Amino acid sequence: MRFTETTTLATPSGRDKKKLQDRKGTFPFSAKGIAASDITANQVGGLRERAVSVGKTGYISGGILANRLPPGASWYRTNLRAGTSGFHGQVITIDSRFTGWGSKASIKAPDPKDVADLAD
């Protein structure tokens, strides 16, 4: 399943609204649920983050963690499956008229030589 979303913050009255980020991505499903994900977020201010998850392991590149990566690494390994931009996400409502059911998507983990553990 592919998705797009825009996160907008609004005052309680709803009069003032401000775009926070937009995200797009893919969720391949297995018999047990979501098998993997590949999500790219573009935040206001120019921050871009990509989060890939395979099974229960997540990988984050860019975004607010970009300057914390050790030399030679471009990804963090973590248990966050949606990346830091996922904190602003919303429940996804699926339109039952969607016609792409059964389409295949293949998502692979980043090359291990490019990955650092978030705890390091």
C-alpha atoms as a PDB file:
ATOM      1  CA  MET A   1       0.000   0.000   0.000  1.00  0.00           C
ATOM      2  CA  ARG A   2       1.302   3.444  -0.871  1.00  0.00           C
ATOM      3  CA  PHE A   3       0.274   6.547   1.049  1.00  0.00           C
ATOM      4  CA  THR A   4       0.752  10.297   1.225  1.00  0.00           C
ATOM      5  CA  GLU A   5      -0.102  12.565   4.136  1.00  0.00           C
ATOM      6  CA  THR A   6       0.310  16.180   5.167  1.00  0.00           C
ATOM      7  CA  THR A   7       0.560  17.145   8.832  1.00  0.00           C
ATOM      8  CA  THR A   8      -0.930  20.546   9.630  1.00  0.00           C
ATOM      9  CA  LEU A   9      -1.004  22.207  13.051  1.00  0.00           C
ATOM     10  CA  ALA A  10      -4.036  24.318  13.891  1.00  0.00           C
ATOM     11  CA  THR A  11      -5.038  26.551  16.762  1.00  0.00           C
ATOM     12  CA  PRO A  12      -7.984  25.302  18.866  1.00  0.00           C
ATOM     13  CA  SER A  13     -10.308  27.641  16.950  1.00  0.00           C
ATOM     14  CA  GLY A  14      -9.031  26.280  13.643  1.00  0.00           C
ATOM     15  CA  ARG A  15      -8.491  29.773  12.242  1.00  0.00           C
ATOM     16  CA  ASP A  16      -4.712  29.572  12.059  1.00  0.00           C
ATOM     17  CA  LYS A  17      -3.108  26.594  10.342  1.00  0.00           C
ATOM     18  CA  LYS A  18       0.498  25.825   9.535  1.00  0.00           C
ATOM     19  CA  LYS A  19       1.921  22.950   7.523  1.00  0.00           C
ATOM     20  CA  LEU A  20       4.453  20.944   9.544  1.00  0.00           C
ATOM     21  CA  GLN A  21       5.483  18.176   7.127  1.00  0.00           C
ATOM     22  CA  ASP A  22       4.419  15.895   4.344  1.00  0.00           C
ATOM     23  CA  ARG A  23       5.194  12.196   4.120  1.00  0.00           C
ATOM     24  CA  LYS A  24       4.884   9.514   1.502  1.00  0.00           C
ATOM     25  CA  GLY A  25       5.699   5.864   1.672  1.00  0.00           C
ATOM     26  CA  THR A  26       4.976   2.213   1.107  1.00  0.00           C
ATOM     27  CA  PHE A  27       3.722  -0.537   3.426  1.00  0.00           C
ATOM     28  CA  PRO A  28       4.022  -4.088   2.047  1.00  0.00           C
ATOM     29  CA  PHE A  29       1.819  -6.501   4.005  1.00  0.00           C
ATOM     30  CA  SER A  30       2.329 -10.101   5.065  1.00  0.00           C
ATOM     31  CA  ALA A  31      -0.258 -12.483   6.496  1.00  0.00           C
ATOM     32  CA  LYS A  32       0.551 -11.039   9.964  1.00  0.00           C
ATOM     33  CA  GLY A  33       0.270  -7.349   9.058  1.00  0.00           C
ATOM     34  CA  ILE A  34       2.806  -4.746   7.940  1.00  0.00           C
ATOM     35  CA  ALA A  35       5.979  -6.564   6.856  1.00  0.00           C
ATOM     36  CA  ALA A  36       8.133  -3.516   6.083  1.00  0.00           C
ATOM     37  CA  SER A  37       7.930   0.206   5.371  1.00  0.00           C
ATOM     38  CA  ASP A  38       9.737   2.903   3.433  1.00  0.00           C
ATOM     39  CA  ILE A  39       8.694   6.433   4.429  1.00  0.00           C
ATOM     40  CA  THR A  40      10.148   9.763   3.304  1.00  0.00           C
ATOM     41  CA  ALA A  41       9.247  12.920   5.252  1.00  0.00           C
ATOM     42  CA  ASN A  42       9.855  16.493   4.121  1.00  0.00           C
ATOM     43  CA  GLN A  43       9.590  18.878   7.034  1.00  0.00           C
ATOM     44  CA  VAL A  44       9.081  22.630   6.859  1.00  0.00           C
ATOM     45  CA  GLY A  45      12.521  24.203   7.057  1.00  0.00           C
ATOM     46  CA  GLY A  46      14.105  21.759   4.650  1.00  0.00           C
ATOM     47  CA  LEU A  47      14.733  18.726   6.852  1.00  0.00           C
ATOM     48  CA  ARG A  48      14.261  15.491   4.949  1.00  0.00           C
ATOM     49  CA  GLU A  49      14.157  12.107   6.647  1.00  0.00           C
ATOM     50  CA  ARG A  50      13.886   8.596   5.259  1.00  0.00           C
ATOM     51  CA  ALA A  51      12.830   5.714   7.489  1.00  0.00           C
ATOM     52  CA  VAL A  52      12.985   2.097   6.345  1.00  0.00           C
ATOM     53  CA  SER A  53      11.807  -0.809   8.469  1.00  0.00           C
ATOM     54  CA  VAL A  54      12.185  -4.498   7.798  1.00  0.00           C
ATOM     55  CA  GLY A  55      10.550  -6.752  10.366  1.00  0.00           C
ATOM     56  CA  LYS A  56      11.030  -5.166  13.802  1.00  0.00           C
ATOM     57  CA  THR A  57      14.174  -3.208  12.878  1.00  0.00           C
ATOM     58  CA  GLY A  58      14.053   0.401  11.716  1.00  0.00           C
ATOM     59  CA  TYR A  59      16.669   2.462   9.892  1.00  0.00           C
ATOM     60  CA  ILE A  60      16.651   6.278   9.823  1.00  0.00           C
ATOM     61  CA  SER A  61      18.633   8.552   7.508  1.00  0.00           C
ATOM     62  CA  GLY A  62      18.627  12.354   7.542  1.00  0.00           C
ATOM     63  CA  GLY A  63      16.253  14.526   9.520  1.00  0.00           C
ATOM     64  CA  ILE A  64      17.093  15.675  13.038  1.00  0.00           C
ATOM     65  CA  LEU A  65      19.512  12.760  13.543  1.00  0.00           C
ATOM     66  CA  ALA A  66      21.689  13.472  10.482  1.00  0.00           C
ATOM     67  CA  ASN A  67      24.407  15.394  12.353  1.00  0.00           C
ATOM     68  CA  ARG A  68      24.650  12.696  15.062  1.00  0.00           C
ATOM     69  CA  LEU A  69      25.799   9.937  12.702  1.00  0.00           C
ATOM     70  CA  PRO A  70      29.386   8.747  13.089  1.00  0.00           C
ATOM     71  CA  PRO A  71      31.754   9.239  10.132  1.00  0.00           C
ATOM     72  CA  GLY A  72      31.064   6.802   7.303  1.00  0.00           C
ATOM     73  CA  ALA A  73      27.496   6.005   8.400  1.00  0.00           C
ATOM     74  CA  SER A  74      24.403   7.344   6.669  1.00  0.00           C
ATOM     75  CA  TRP A  75      21.760   5.330   8.601  1.00  0.00           C
ATOM     76  CA  TYR A  76      20.869   4.692  12.241  1.00  0.00           C
ATOM     77  CA  ARG A  77      19.518   1.292  13.291  1.00  0.00           C
ATOM     78  CA  THR A  78      16.692   1.659  15.817  1.00  0.00           C
ATOM     79  CA  ASN A  79      13.399   0.221  17.006  1.00  0.00           C
ATOM     80  CA  LEU A  80      11.512   3.286  15.683  1.00  0.00           C
ATOM     81  CA  ARG A  81       9.735   1.906  12.657  1.00  0.00           C
ATOM     82  CA  ALA A  82       8.393   5.226  11.358  1.00  0.00           C
ATOM     83  CA  GLY A  83      11.342   7.512  12.085  1.00  0.00           C
ATOM     84  CA  THR A  84      11.182  10.682  14.139  1.00  0.00           C
ATOM     85  CA  SER A  85       8.702  12.273  11.721  1.00  0.00           C
ATOM     86  CA  GLY A  86       6.211   9.560  12.720  1.00  0.00           C
ATOM     87  CA  PHE A  87       5.549  11.379  15.992  1.00  0.00           C
ATOM     88  CA  HIS A  88       3.432  13.832  13.985  1.00  0.00           C
ATOM     89  CA  GLY A  89       1.586  11.193  11.944  1.00  0.00           C
ATOM     90  CA  GLN A  90      -2.058  10.378  12.073  1.00  0.00           C
ATOM     91  CA  VAL A  91      -4.239   7.313  11.774  1.00  0.00           C
ATOM     92  CA  ILE A  92      -4.521   6.359   8.125  1.00  0.00           C
ATOM     93  CA  THR A  93      -8.027   5.891   6.770  1.00  0.00           C
ATOM     94  CA  ILE A  94      -8.075   3.540   3.811  1.00  0.00           C
ATOM     95  CA  ASP A  95     -10.456   4.380   0.987  1.00  0.00           C
ATOM     96  CA  SER A  96     -12.294   1.168   0.141  1.00  0.00           C
ATOM     97  CA  ARG A  97     -12.407   2.239  -3.506  1.00  0.00           C
ATOM     98  CA  PHE A  98      -8.617   1.777  -3.716  1.00  0.00           C
ATOM     99  CA  THR A  99      -7.795  -0.375  -6.746  1.00  0.00           C
ATOM    100  CA  GLY A 100      -4.149  -1.227  -6.083  1.00  0.00           C
ATOM    101  CA  TRP A 101      -4.754  -4.123  -3.671  1.00  0.00           C
ATOM    102  CA  GLY A 102      -2.328  -6.935  -4.238  1.00  0.00           C
ATOM    103  CA  SER A 103       0.375  -4.771  -5.806  1.00  0.00           C
ATOM    104  CA  LYS A 104       3.839  -5.893  -4.775  1.00  0.00           C
ATOM    105  CA  ALA A 105       6.494  -3.756  -3.106  1.00  0.00           C
ATOM    106  CA  SER A 106       9.990  -4.842  -2.155  1.00  0.00           C
ATOM    107  CA  ILE A 107      11.826  -3.052   0.655  1.00  0.00           C
ATOM    108  CA  LYS A 108      15.353  -3.953   1.733  1.00  0.00           C
ATOM    109  CA  ALA A 109      17.446  -2.844   4.706  1.00  0.00           C
ATOM    110  CA  PRO A 110      20.371  -0.473   4.016  1.00  0.00           C
ATOM    111  CA  ASP A 111      23.859  -1.885   3.470  1.00  0.00           C
ATOM    112  CA  PRO A 112      25.234  -2.834   6.947  1.00  0.00           C
ATOM    113  CA  LYS A 113      28.458  -0.867   6.320  1.00  0.00           C
ATOM    114  CA  ASP A 114      26.362   2.334   6.204  1.00  0.00           C
ATOM    115  CA  VAL A 115      24.484   1.667   9.483  1.00  0.00           C
ATOM    116  CA  ALA A 116      25.234   2.810  13.065  1.00  0.00           C
ATOM    117  CA  ASP A 117      23.244   1.779  16.144  1.00  0.00           C
ATOM    118  CA  LEU A 118      21.265   4.613  17.730  1.00  0.00           C
ATOM    119  CA  ALA A 119      22.592   3.620  21.160  1.00  0.00           C
ATOM    120  CA  ASP A 120      26.235   4.126  20.046  1.00  0.00           C
END
